PDB file of N, CA and C in Angstrom:
ATOM      1  N   MET A   1      15.113 -11.495   1.764  1.00  0.00           N
ATOM      2  CA  MET A   1      13.986 -10.714   2.737  1.00  0.00           C
ATOM      3  C   MET A   1      13.143 -12.158   2.984  1.00  0.00           C
ATOM      4  N   ASP A   2      12.523 -11.806   4.787  1.00  0.00           N
ATOM      5  CA  ASP A   2      11.898 -12.618   5.302  1.00  0.00           C
ATOM      6  C   ASP A   2      10.758 -13.182   4.563  1.00  0.00           C
ATOM      7  N   VAL A   3      10.200 -11.817   4.791  1.00  0.00           N
ATOM      8  CA  VAL A   3       8.785 -12.081   3.865  1.00  0.00           C
ATOM      9  C   VAL A   3       8.574 -12.716   2.523  1.00  0.00           C
ATOM     10  N   TRP A   4       9.524 -12.413   1.921  1.00  0.00           N
ATOM     11  CA  TRP A   4       9.575 -13.188   0.627  1.00  0.00           C
ATOM     12  C   TRP A   4       9.694 -14.717   0.792  1.00  0.00           C
ATOM     13  N   GLN A   5      10.366 -15.319   1.255  1.00  0.00           N
ATOM     14  CA  GLN A   5      11.322 -16.298   2.008  1.00  0.00           C
ATOM     15  C   GLN A   5       9.728 -17.635   2.282  1.00  0.00           C
ATOM     16  N   ASP A   6       9.494 -16.766   3.742  1.00  0.00           N
ATOM     17  CA  ASP A   6       8.341 -16.701   3.487  1.00  0.00           C
ATOM     18  C   ASP A   6       6.956 -17.093   2.964  1.00  0.00           C
ATOM     19  N   ALA A   7       6.852 -16.844   2.392  1.00  0.00           N
ATOM     20  CA  ALA A   7       6.212 -16.501   1.033  1.00  0.00           C
ATOM     21  C   ALA A   7       5.672 -18.168   0.209  1.00  0.00           C
ATOM     22  N   VAL A   8       7.177 -17.692  -0.974  1.00  0.00           N
ATOM     23  CA  VAL A   8       7.967 -18.766  -1.050  1.00  0.00           C
ATOM     24  C   VAL A   8       7.555 -20.498  -0.830  1.00  0.00           C
ATOM     25  N   ALA A   9       7.777 -20.084   0.777  1.00  0.00           N
ATOM     26  CA  ALA A   9       7.903 -21.653   1.693  1.00  0.00           C
ATOM     27  C   ALA A   9       5.915 -21.265   1.673  1.00  0.00           C
ATOM     28  N   LEU A  10       5.442 -20.734   1.884  1.00  0.00           N
ATOM     29  CA  LEU A  10       4.285 -21.114   1.069  1.00  0.00           C
ATOM     30  C   LEU A  10       2.969 -21.008   0.326  1.00  0.00           C
ATOM     31  N   VAL A  11       4.442 -21.105  -0.595  1.00  0.00           N
ATOM     32  CA  VAL A  11       3.829 -21.480  -1.996  1.00  0.00           C
ATOM     33  C   VAL A  11       3.608 -22.722  -2.249  1.00  0.00           C
ATOM     34  N   HIS A  12       5.062 -23.297  -1.384  1.00  0.00           N
ATOM     35  CA  HIS A  12       5.139 -24.605  -1.601  1.00  0.00           C
ATOM     36  C   HIS A  12       3.996 -25.391  -1.165  1.00  0.00           C
ATOM     37  N   HIS A  13       3.807 -24.921   0.295  1.00  0.00           N
ATOM     38  CA  HIS A  13       2.955 -25.835   1.181  1.00  0.00           C
ATOM     39  C   HIS A  13       1.395 -25.187   0.523  1.00  0.00           C
ATOM     40  N   VAL A  14       0.802 -24.926  -0.436  1.00  0.00           N
ATOM     41  CA  VAL A  14      -0.391 -24.823  -1.030  1.00  0.00           C
ATOM     42  C   VAL A  14      -0.482 -25.746  -2.271  1.00  0.00           C
ATOM     43  N   TYR A  15       0.524 -25.563  -2.366  1.00  0.00           N
ATOM     44  CA  TYR A  15       1.055 -26.928  -3.621  1.00  0.00           C
ATOM     45  C   TYR A  15       0.523 -28.204  -3.437  1.00  0.00           C
ATOM     46  N   GLU A  16       1.221 -28.051  -1.765  1.00  0.00           N
ATOM     47  CA  GLU A  16       1.860 -29.969  -1.344  1.00  0.00           C
ATOM     48  C   GLU A  16      -0.069 -29.978  -1.082  1.00  0.00           C
ATOM     49  N   PHE A  17      -1.027 -29.202  -0.633  1.00  0.00           N
ATOM     50  CA  PHE A  17      -1.916 -29.662   0.071  1.00  0.00           C
ATOM     51  C   PHE A  17      -3.271 -29.406  -1.221  1.00  0.00           C
ATOM     52  N   SER A  18      -2.883 -28.516  -2.196  1.00  0.00           N
ATOM     53  CA  SER A  18      -4.131 -28.595  -3.053  1.00  0.00           C
ATOM     54  C   SER A  18      -4.103 -29.975  -3.706  1.00  0.00           C
ATOM     55  N   ALA A  19      -2.887 -30.162  -4.426  1.00  0.00           N
ATOM     56  CA  ALA A  19      -2.771 -31.984  -5.113  1.00  0.00           C
ATOM     57  C   ALA A  19      -3.073 -32.888  -5.011  1.00  0.00           C
ATOM     58  N   ALA A  20      -4.054 -32.976  -3.310  1.00  0.00           N
ATOM     59  CA  ALA A  20      -5.406 -33.490  -3.361  1.00  0.00           C
ATOM     60  C   ALA A  20      -6.047 -33.487  -3.174  1.00  0.00           C
ATOM     61  N   PHE A  21      -6.589 -32.049  -4.235  1.00  0.00           N
ATOM     62  CA  PHE A  21      -8.167 -31.937  -4.413  1.00  0.00           C
ATOM     63  C   PHE A  21      -9.326 -32.386  -6.010  1.00  0.00           C
ATOM     64  N   PRO A  22      -9.554 -32.915  -5.407  1.00  0.00           N
ATOM     65  CA  PRO A  22     -10.339 -33.465  -6.550  1.00  0.00           C
ATOM     66  C   PRO A  22     -10.048 -33.177  -7.851  1.00  0.00           C
ATOM     67  N   GLN A  23     -10.360 -33.858  -9.218  1.00  0.00           N
ATOM     68  CA  GLN A  23      -9.921 -33.454 -10.373  1.00  0.00           C
ATOM     69  C   GLN A  23     -10.397 -32.228 -11.024  1.00  0.00           C
ATOM     70  N   ASP A  24     -11.618 -32.307 -10.755  1.00  0.00           N
ATOM     71  CA  ASP A  24     -12.594 -31.863 -10.936  1.00  0.00           C
ATOM     72  C   ASP A  24     -12.587 -30.630 -10.271  1.00  0.00           C
ATOM     73  N   GLU A  25     -11.376 -29.919  -9.310  1.00  0.00           N
ATOM     74  CA  GLU A  25     -11.090 -28.394  -9.296  1.00  0.00           C
ATOM     75  C   GLU A  25      -9.507 -27.771 -10.084  1.00  0.00           C
ATOM     76  N   ARG A  26      -9.219 -28.558 -10.556  1.00  0.00           N
ATOM     77  CA  ARG A  26      -7.675 -28.458 -11.720  1.00  0.00           C
ATOM     78  C   ARG A  26      -7.797 -27.099 -12.096  1.00  0.00           C
ATOM     79  N   PHE A  27      -9.000 -26.892 -12.640  1.00  0.00           N
ATOM     80  CA  PHE A  27      -9.045 -26.125 -13.450  1.00  0.00           C
ATOM     81  C   PHE A  27     -10.160 -24.859 -12.135  1.00  0.00           C
ATOM     82  N   GLY A  28     -10.076 -24.835 -11.646  1.00  0.00           N
ATOM     83  CA  GLY A  28     -11.196 -23.920 -10.621  1.00  0.00           C
ATOM     84  C   GLY A  28     -10.150 -23.626  -9.539  1.00  0.00           C
ATOM     85  N   LEU A  29     -10.642 -23.943  -8.382  1.00  0.00           N
ATOM     86  CA  LEU A  29      -9.957 -23.783  -7.100  1.00  0.00           C
ATOM     87  C   LEU A  29      -8.792 -23.690  -7.102  1.00  0.00           C
ATOM     88  N   ILE A  30      -8.408 -25.016  -7.609  1.00  0.00           N
ATOM     89  CA  ILE A  30      -7.441 -25.528  -7.463  1.00  0.00           C
ATOM     90  C   ILE A  30      -5.646 -24.795  -7.884  1.00  0.00           C
ATOM     91  N   SER A  31      -6.658 -24.279  -9.692  1.00  0.00           N
ATOM     92  CA  SER A  31      -5.470 -23.466 -10.185  1.00  0.00           C
ATOM     93  C   SER A  31      -5.344 -21.383  -9.047  1.00  0.00           C
ATOM     94  N   GLN A  32      -6.768 -21.170  -9.330  1.00  0.00           N
ATOM     95  CA  GLN A  32      -7.057 -20.293  -8.596  1.00  0.00           C
ATOM     96  C   GLN A  32      -6.286 -19.823  -7.135  1.00  0.00           C
ATOM     97  N   MET A  33      -6.242 -20.867  -6.134  1.00  0.00           N
ATOM     98  CA  MET A  33      -5.223 -21.329  -5.026  1.00  0.00           C
ATOM     99  C   MET A  33      -3.978 -20.674  -5.532  1.00  0.00           C
ATOM    100  N   ARG A  34      -3.193 -21.375  -6.875  1.00  0.00           N
ATOM    101  CA  ARG A  34      -1.489 -21.246  -6.814  1.00  0.00           C
ATOM    102  C   ARG A  34      -1.763 -20.135  -7.279  1.00  0.00           C
ATOM    103  N   ARG A  35      -2.563 -19.683  -8.008  1.00  0.00           N
ATOM    104  CA  ARG A  35      -2.231 -17.867  -8.674  1.00  0.00           C
ATOM    105  C   ARG A  35      -2.275 -17.074  -7.630  1.00  0.00           C
ATOM    106  N   SER A  36      -3.277 -16.906  -6.475  1.00  0.00           N
ATOM    107  CA  SER A  36      -2.837 -16.811  -5.659  1.00  0.00           C
ATOM    108  C   SER A  36      -2.297 -16.319  -4.958  1.00  0.00           C
ATOM    109  N   ALA A  37      -1.666 -17.774  -4.136  1.00  0.00           N
ATOM    110  CA  ALA A  37      -0.177 -18.156  -3.478  1.00  0.00           C
ATOM    111  C   ALA A  37       0.851 -17.707  -4.365  1.00  0.00           C
ATOM    112  N   ILE A  38       0.607 -17.963  -5.560  1.00  0.00           N
ATOM    113  CA  ILE A  38       2.406 -17.405  -5.995  1.00  0.00           C
ATOM    114  C   ILE A  38       2.434 -15.373  -6.396  1.00  0.00           C
ATOM    115  N   SER A  39       0.967 -15.159  -6.300  1.00  0.00           N
ATOM    116  CA  SER A  39       1.385 -13.641  -6.157  1.00  0.00           C
ATOM    117  C   SER A  39       2.239 -12.653  -5.505  1.00  0.00           C
ATOM    118  N   VAL A  40       1.920 -13.760  -3.975  1.00  0.00           N
ATOM    119  CA  VAL A  40       2.431 -12.979  -3.315  1.00  0.00           C
ATOM    120  C   VAL A  40       4.098 -12.855  -3.270  1.00  0.00           C
ATOM    121  N   PRO A  41       4.879 -13.835  -3.237  1.00  0.00           N
ATOM    122  CA  PRO A  41       6.366 -13.340  -3.645  1.00  0.00           C
ATOM    123  C   PRO A  41       6.809 -12.443  -4.773  1.00  0.00           C
ATOM    124  N   SER A  42       5.638 -12.304  -5.514  1.00  0.00           N
ATOM    125  CA  SER A  42       5.872 -12.673  -6.963  1.00  0.00           C
ATOM    126  C   SER A  42       5.980 -11.080  -6.956  1.00  0.00           C
ATOM    127  N   ASN A  43       4.622 -10.622  -6.474  1.00  0.00           N
ATOM    128  CA  ASN A  43       4.408  -9.019  -5.978  1.00  0.00           C
ATOM    129  C   ASN A  43       5.551  -7.898  -4.888  1.00  0.00           C
ATOM    130  N   ILE A  44       6.283  -8.915  -3.977  1.00  0.00           N
ATOM    131  CA  ILE A  44       7.103  -8.814  -3.280  1.00  0.00           C
ATOM    132  C   ILE A  44       8.033  -8.149  -3.836  1.00  0.00           C
ATOM    133  N   ALA A  45       8.350  -9.103  -4.745  1.00  0.00           N
ATOM    134  CA  ALA A  45       9.894  -9.100  -5.403  1.00  0.00           C
ATOM    135  C   ALA A  45       9.988  -8.469  -6.665  1.00  0.00           C
ATOM    136  N   GLU A  46       8.986  -8.039  -6.844  1.00  0.00           N
ATOM    137  CA  GLU A  46       8.808  -6.624  -7.432  1.00  0.00           C
ATOM    138  C   GLU A  46       8.589  -4.936  -7.507  1.00  0.00           C
ATOM    139  N   GLY A  47       7.609  -4.951  -7.106  1.00  0.00           N
ATOM    140  CA  GLY A  47       8.412  -3.923  -5.980  1.00  0.00           C
ATOM    141  C   GLY A  47       9.527  -3.298  -5.088  1.00  0.00           C
ATOM    142  N   ALA A  48       9.819  -4.715  -4.865  1.00  0.00           N
ATOM    143  CA  ALA A  48      11.475  -3.991  -4.165  1.00  0.00           C
ATOM    144  C   ALA A  48      12.613  -4.158  -5.332  1.00  0.00           C
ATOM    145  N   ALA A  49      12.348  -4.746  -6.175  1.00  0.00           N
ATOM    146  CA  ALA A  49      12.991  -3.893  -7.913  1.00  0.00           C
ATOM    147  C   ALA A  49      11.784  -3.248  -8.772  1.00  0.00           C
ATOM    148  N   ARG A  50      11.442  -2.160  -8.127  1.00  0.00           N
ATOM    149  CA  ARG A  50      11.226  -0.990  -8.846  1.00  0.00           C
ATOM    150  C   ARG A  50      11.764   0.665  -8.604  1.00  0.00           C
ATOM    151  N   GLY A  51      12.369   0.263  -7.185  1.00  0.00           N
ATOM    152  CA  GLY A  51      13.397   0.947  -7.441  1.00  0.00           C
ATOM    153  C   GLY A  51      13.035   1.978  -6.104  1.00  0.00           C
ATOM    154  N   SER A  52      12.245   2.380  -5.400  1.00  0.00           N
ATOM    155  CA  SER A  52      11.117   3.505  -4.961  1.00  0.00           C
ATOM    156  C   SER A  52      10.246   2.907  -3.677  1.00  0.00           C
ATOM    157  N   ASP A  53      10.832   3.278  -2.719  1.00  0.00           N
ATOM    158  CA  ASP A  53       9.459   3.025  -1.288  1.00  0.00           C
ATOM    159  C   ASP A  53       8.075   3.161  -2.275  1.00  0.00           C
ATOM    160  N   LYS A  54       7.623   4.185  -2.934  1.00  0.00           N
ATOM    161  CA  LYS A  54       6.725   4.300  -2.774  1.00  0.00           C
ATOM    162  C   LYS A  54       6.045   2.975  -3.539  1.00  0.00           C
ATOM    163  N   ASP A  55       6.951   3.048  -4.795  1.00  0.00           N
ATOM    164  CA  ASP A  55       5.844   1.603  -5.925  1.00  0.00           C
ATOM    165  C   ASP A  55       6.195   0.436  -4.819  1.00  0.00           C
ATOM    166  N   PHE A  56       7.484   0.636  -4.165  1.00  0.00           N
ATOM    167  CA  PHE A  56       7.506  -0.923  -3.176  1.00  0.00           C
ATOM    168  C   PHE A  56       6.461  -1.326  -2.283  1.00  0.00           C
ATOM    169  N   LEU A  57       5.681  -0.010  -1.556  1.00  0.00           N
ATOM    170  CA  LEU A  57       4.747  -0.073  -0.595  1.00  0.00           C
ATOM    171  C   LEU A  57       2.936  -0.324  -1.567  1.00  0.00           C
ATOM    172  N   ARG A  58       2.721   0.008  -2.724  1.00  0.00           N
ATOM    173  CA  ARG A  58       1.763  -0.219  -3.773  1.00  0.00           C
ATOM    174  C   ARG A  58       1.544  -1.344  -4.393  1.00  0.00           C
ATOM    175  N   PHE A  59       3.139  -2.099  -4.315  1.00  0.00           N
ATOM    176  CA  PHE A  59       2.870  -3.774  -4.550  1.00  0.00           C
ATOM    177  C   PHE A  59       3.082  -4.710  -3.456  1.00  0.00           C
ATOM    178  N   LEU A  60       3.234  -4.214  -2.317  1.00  0.00           N
ATOM    179  CA  LEU A  60       2.859  -4.979  -1.183  1.00  0.00           C
ATOM    180  C   LEU A  60       1.749  -5.279  -0.320  1.00  0.00           C
ATOM    181  N   TYR A  61       0.854  -3.947  -1.207  1.00  0.00           N
ATOM    182  CA  TYR A  61      -0.669  -3.789  -0.570  1.00  0.00           C
ATOM    183  C   TYR A  61      -1.095  -4.853  -1.673  1.00  0.00           C
ATOM    184  N   ILE A  62      -0.463  -5.216  -2.812  1.00  0.00           N
ATOM    185  CA  ILE A  62      -0.828  -6.138  -3.642  1.00  0.00           C
ATOM    186  C   ILE A  62      -1.126  -7.288  -3.037  1.00  0.00           C
ATOM    187  N   ALA A  63       0.676  -7.853  -3.131  1.00  0.00           N
ATOM    188  CA  ALA A  63       0.616  -8.896  -2.401  1.00  0.00           C
ATOM    189  C   ALA A  63      -0.502  -9.571  -0.922  1.00  0.00           C
ATOM    190  N   ARG A  64      -0.368  -8.524  -0.048  1.00  0.00           N
ATOM    191  CA  ARG A  64      -1.593  -8.508   0.856  1.00  0.00           C
ATOM    192  C   ARG A  64      -2.716  -8.622   0.299  1.00  0.00           C
ATOM    193  N   GLY A  65      -3.443  -8.176  -0.460  1.00  0.00           N
ATOM    194  CA  GLY A  65      -4.468  -8.367  -1.456  1.00  0.00           C
ATOM    195  C   GLY A  65      -4.843  -9.993  -1.950  1.00  0.00           C
ATOM    196  N   SER A  66      -3.844 -10.589  -2.917  1.00  0.00           N
ATOM    197  CA  SER A  66      -3.753 -12.309  -3.154  1.00  0.00           C
ATOM    198  C   SER A  66      -3.567 -12.673  -1.425  1.00  0.00           C
ATOM    199  N   LEU A  67      -2.626 -12.101  -0.427  1.00  0.00           N
ATOM    200  CA  LEU A  67      -2.939 -13.197   0.500  1.00  0.00           C
ATOM    201  C   LEU A  67      -4.425 -13.622   1.603  1.00  0.00           C
ATOM    202  N   ALA A  68      -4.912 -12.485   1.192  1.00  0.00           N
ATOM    203  CA  ALA A  68      -6.411 -12.131   2.359  1.00  0.00           C
ATOM    204  C   ALA A  68      -6.973 -13.619   0.871  1.00  0.00           C
ATOM    205  N   GLU A  69      -6.870 -12.983  -0.911  1.00  0.00           N
ATOM    206  CA  GLU A  69      -7.623 -13.522  -1.609  1.00  0.00           C
ATOM    207  C   GLU A  69      -7.798 -15.520  -1.447  1.00  0.00           C
ATOM    208  N   LEU A  70      -6.124 -15.302  -0.805  1.00  0.00           N
ATOM    209  CA  LEU A  70      -5.606 -17.041  -0.423  1.00  0.00           C
ATOM    210  C   LEU A  70      -5.940 -17.765   0.532  1.00  0.00           C
ATOM    211  N   GLU A  71      -6.216 -16.580   1.801  1.00  0.00           N
ATOM    212  CA  GLU A  71      -7.003 -17.221   2.759  1.00  0.00           C
ATOM    213  C   GLU A  71      -8.295 -17.283   3.155  1.00  0.00           C
ATOM    214  N   THR A  72      -9.006 -16.844   2.253  1.00  0.00           N
ATOM    215  CA  THR A  72     -10.932 -17.012   1.622  1.00  0.00           C
ATOM    216  C   THR A  72     -10.780 -18.395   0.815  1.00  0.00           C
ATOM    217  N   GLN A  73      -9.800 -18.752  -0.356  1.00  0.00           N
ATOM    218  CA  GLN A  73      -9.993 -19.809  -0.994  1.00  0.00           C
ATOM    219  C   GLN A  73      -9.458 -21.143   0.090  1.00  0.00           C
ATOM    220  N   ILE A  74      -9.052 -20.988   1.057  1.00  0.00           N
ATOM    221  CA  ILE A  74      -8.082 -21.732   1.751  1.00  0.00           C
ATOM    222  C   ILE A  74      -9.563 -21.863   3.174  1.00  0.00           C
ATOM    223  N   VAL A  75      -9.934 -21.279   2.702  1.00  0.00           N
ATOM    224  CA  VAL A  75     -11.554 -21.501   4.288  1.00  0.00           C
ATOM    225  C   VAL A  75     -12.456 -22.471   3.060  1.00  0.00           C
ATOM    226  N   ILE A  76     -12.237 -21.683   2.112  1.00  0.00           N
ATOM    227  CA  ILE A  76     -13.136 -22.302   1.423  1.00  0.00           C
ATOM    228  C   ILE A  76     -13.645 -23.612   1.267  1.00  0.00           C
ATOM    229  N   ALA A  77     -12.072 -24.238   1.078  1.00  0.00           N
ATOM    230  CA  ALA A  77     -11.176 -25.544   0.416  1.00  0.00           C
ATOM    231  C   ALA A  77     -11.781 -26.580   1.445  1.00  0.00           C
ATOM    232  N   THR A  78     -11.445 -25.898   2.750  1.00  0.00           N
ATOM    233  CA  THR A  78     -11.740 -26.401   4.295  1.00  0.00           C
ATOM    234  C   THR A  78     -13.272 -26.587   4.266  1.00  0.00           C
ATOM    235  N   GLN A  79     -14.091 -26.168   4.351  1.00  0.00           N
ATOM    236  CA  GLN A  79     -15.244 -26.259   4.393  1.00  0.00           C
ATOM    237  C   GLN A  79     -15.712 -27.362   3.524  1.00  0.00           C
ATOM    238  N   LEU A  80     -15.337 -27.128   1.841  1.00  0.00           N
ATOM    239  CA  LEU A  80     -16.031 -28.298   0.962  1.00  0.00           C
ATOM    240  C   LEU A  80     -15.310 -29.273   1.501  1.00  0.00           C
ATOM    241  N   GLY A  81     -14.334 -29.579   2.327  1.00  0.00           N
ATOM    242  CA  GLY A  81     -13.670 -30.888   3.215  1.00  0.00           C
ATOM    243  C   GLY A  81     -12.367 -31.519   2.201  1.00  0.00           C
ATOM    244  N   TYR A  82     -12.023 -30.558   1.455  1.00  0.00           N
ATOM    245  CA  TYR A  82     -10.867 -31.135   0.628  1.00  0.00           C
ATOM    246  C   TYR A  82      -9.409 -30.526   1.153  1.00  0.00           C
ATOM    247  N   ILE A  83      -9.440 -29.810   2.345  1.00  0.00           N
ATOM    248  CA  ILE A  83      -8.810 -29.668   3.512  1.00  0.00           C
ATOM    249  C   ILE A  83      -9.326 -30.402   4.689  1.00  0.00           C
ATOM    250  N   ASN A  84      -8.529 -30.668   5.402  1.00  0.00           N
ATOM    251  CA  ASN A  84      -8.453 -31.469   6.543  1.00  0.00           C
ATOM    252  C   ASN A  84      -8.569 -30.216   7.303  1.00  0.00           C
ATOM    253  N   GLU A  85      -9.432 -30.465   8.456  1.00  0.00           N
ATOM    254  CA  GLU A  85      -9.442 -28.819   9.083  1.00  0.00           C
ATOM    255  C   GLU A  85      -7.529 -29.086  10.563  1.00  0.00           C
ATOM    256  N   GLN A  86      -7.619 -30.196  10.890  1.00  0.00           N
ATOM    257  CA  GLN A  86      -6.032 -30.044  11.084  1.00  0.00           C
ATOM    258  C   GLN A  86      -4.770 -30.559  10.799  1.00  0.00           C
ATOM    259  N   GLU A  87      -4.995 -29.558   9.352  1.00  0.00           N
ATOM    260  CA  GLU A  87      -4.514 -29.017   8.240  1.00  0.00           C
ATOM    261  C   GLU A  87      -3.457 -27.824   8.531  1.00  0.00           C
ATOM    262  N   ASN A  88      -2.174 -28.070   8.839  1.00  0.00           N
ATOM    263  CA  ASN A  88      -1.583 -26.456   9.657  1.00  0.00           C
ATOM    264  C   ASN A  88      -1.546 -25.895   8.629  1.00  0.00           C
ATOM    265  N   TRP A  89      -2.166 -25.170   8.518  1.00  0.00           N
ATOM    266  CA  TRP A  89      -1.615 -23.990   7.347  1.00  0.00           C
ATOM    267  C   TRP A  89      -2.031 -22.816   7.584  1.00  0.00           C
ATOM    268  N   GLN A  90      -2.298 -22.211   8.995  1.00  0.00           N
ATOM    269  CA  GLN A  90      -2.696 -21.042   9.124  1.00  0.00           C
ATOM    270  C   GLN A  90      -1.630 -20.192  10.000  1.00  0.00           C
ATOM    271  N   PRO A  91      -0.515 -21.212  10.601  1.00  0.00           N
ATOM    272  CA  PRO A  91       0.410 -20.221  10.745  1.00  0.00           C
ATOM    273  C   PRO A  91       1.209 -19.786  10.689  1.00  0.00           C
ATOM    274  N   ALA A  92       1.173 -19.968   8.947  1.00  0.00           N
ATOM    275  CA  ALA A  92       1.883 -20.027   7.837  1.00  0.00           C
ATOM    276  C   ALA A  92       1.577 -18.623   7.174  1.00  0.00           C
ATOM    277  N   LEU A  93       0.585 -18.827   6.983  1.00  0.00           N
ATOM    278  CA  LEU A  93      -0.605 -17.799   6.695  1.00  0.00           C
ATOM    279  C   LEU A  93      -0.589 -16.366   7.393  1.00  0.00           C
ATOM    280  N   GLU A  94      -0.484 -16.678   8.678  1.00  0.00           N
ATOM    281  CA  GLU A  94      -0.458 -16.043   9.504  1.00  0.00           C
ATOM    282  C   GLU A  94       1.019 -15.119   9.569  1.00  0.00           C
ATOM    283  N   ARG A  95       2.144 -15.741   9.917  1.00  0.00           N
ATOM    284  CA  ARG A  95       3.537 -15.022   9.462  1.00  0.00           C
ATOM    285  C   ARG A  95       3.637 -14.279   8.890  1.00  0.00           C
ATOM    286  N   VAL A  96       3.103 -14.586   7.327  1.00  0.00           N
ATOM    287  CA  VAL A  96       3.724 -13.571   6.403  1.00  0.00           C
ATOM    288  C   VAL A  96       2.440 -12.401   5.942  1.00  0.00           C
ATOM    289  N   PHE A  97       1.299 -12.655   6.681  1.00  0.00           N
ATOM    290  CA  PHE A  97       0.166 -11.705   7.082  1.00  0.00           C
ATOM    291  C   PHE A  97       0.843 -10.644   7.605  1.00  0.00           C
ATOM    292  N   ALA A  98       1.694 -10.526   9.068  1.00  0.00           N
ATOM    293  CA  ALA A  98       2.411 -10.285  10.389  1.00  0.00           C
ATOM    294  C   ALA A  98       3.709  -9.444   9.361  1.00  0.00           C
ATOM    295  N   LYS A  99       4.398 -10.526   8.707  1.00  0.00           N
ATOM    296  CA  LYS A  99       5.595  -9.644   8.506  1.00  0.00           C
ATOM    297  C   LYS A  99       5.248  -8.824   7.339  1.00  0.00           C
ATOM    298  N   LEU A 100       4.673  -8.587   6.171  1.00  0.00           N
ATOM    299  CA  LEU A 100       4.043  -8.036   5.434  1.00  0.00           C
ATOM    300  C   LEU A 100       3.443  -6.688   5.910  1.00  0.00           C
ATOM    301  N   ALA A 101       2.157  -6.777   7.149  1.00  0.00           N
ATOM    302  CA  ALA A 101       2.167  -5.606   7.633  1.00  0.00           C
ATOM    303  C   ALA A 101       3.061  -5.150   9.038  1.00  0.00           C
ATOM    304  N   ALA A 102       3.888  -5.400   8.448  1.00  0.00           N
ATOM    305  CA  ALA A 102       4.869  -4.695   9.288  1.00  0.00           C
ATOM    306  C   ALA A 102       6.318  -4.447   8.619  1.00  0.00           C
ATOM    307  N   LEU A 103       6.472  -4.700   7.688  1.00  0.00           N
ATOM    308  CA  LEU A 103       6.988  -3.600   6.041  1.00  0.00           C
ATOM    309  C   LEU A 103       5.833  -2.504   5.992  1.00  0.00           C
ATOM    310  N   ILE A 104       5.293  -2.556   5.250  1.00  0.00           N
ATOM    311  CA  ILE A 104       4.410  -1.988   4.974  1.00  0.00           C
ATOM    312  C   ILE A 104       4.060  -0.405   5.628  1.00  0.00           C
ATOM    313  N   ASN A 105       3.974  -1.381   7.654  1.00  0.00           N
ATOM    314  CA  ASN A 105       4.534  -0.154   8.736  1.00  0.00           C
ATOM    315  C   ASN A 105       5.563   1.015   8.281  1.00  0.00           C
ATOM    316  N   ARG A 106       6.565  -0.680   7.980  1.00  0.00           N
ATOM    317  CA  ARG A 106       7.969   0.850   8.031  1.00  0.00           C
ATOM    318  C   ARG A 106       8.402   1.570   6.611  1.00  0.00           C
ATOM    319  N   LEU A 107       7.799   1.366   5.715  1.00  0.00           N
ATOM    320  CA  LEU A 107       8.007   2.221   4.639  1.00  0.00           C
ATOM    321  C   LEU A 107       6.783   3.079   4.531  1.00  0.00           C
ATOM    322  N   ARG A 108       5.238   3.162   4.739  1.00  0.00           N
ATOM    323  CA  ARG A 108       4.963   3.702   5.221  1.00  0.00           C
ATOM    324  C   ARG A 108       5.426   4.759   6.197  1.00  0.00           C
ATOM    325  N   ALA A 109       6.033   4.477   6.988  1.00  0.00           N
ATOM    326  CA  ALA A 109       6.632   5.400   8.407  1.00  0.00           C
ATOM    327  C   ALA A 109       7.658   6.325   7.447  1.00  0.00           C
ATOM    328  N   SER A 110       8.773   5.540   5.893  1.00  0.00           N
ATOM    329  CA  SER A 110       9.446   6.769   5.971  1.00  0.00           C
ATOM    330  C   SER A 110       9.045   7.123   4.400  1.00  0.00           C
ATOM    331  N   ILE A 111       8.026   6.690   4.764  1.00  0.00           N
ATOM    332  CA  ILE A 111       8.349   7.998   3.404  1.00  0.00           C
ATOM    333  C   ILE A 111       6.846   9.136   3.937  1.00  0.00           C
ATOM    334  N   GLY A 112       6.712   9.077   4.395  1.00  0.00           N
ATOM    335  CA  GLY A 112       5.886   9.522   5.473  1.00  0.00           C
ATOM    336  C   GLY A 112       4.505  10.350   5.669  1.00  0.00           C
TER     337      GLY A 112
END
């Protein structure tokens, strides 16, 4: 699934840029961002494994919520100066948002 692959790639990206954050953020923003990032592909996978479109849709909404959390955390980290404003995180985030939206819309239409 493309959206799952892009979400996994986003996790790698988050791990890479958060490794440069100050050590005092290890149990704060770093941990929260990494958990939010990991939650996205994890919920996509769990929903897909549930066996029903209705359950899958519910988990996709959870994944989208985690992605929104991650976006907020990235904005905060950028404002705190932990992420360079030139960091190219936005396209990866937008790609996952778009693919999740498309999949959600497709499932909603099939459920009726």
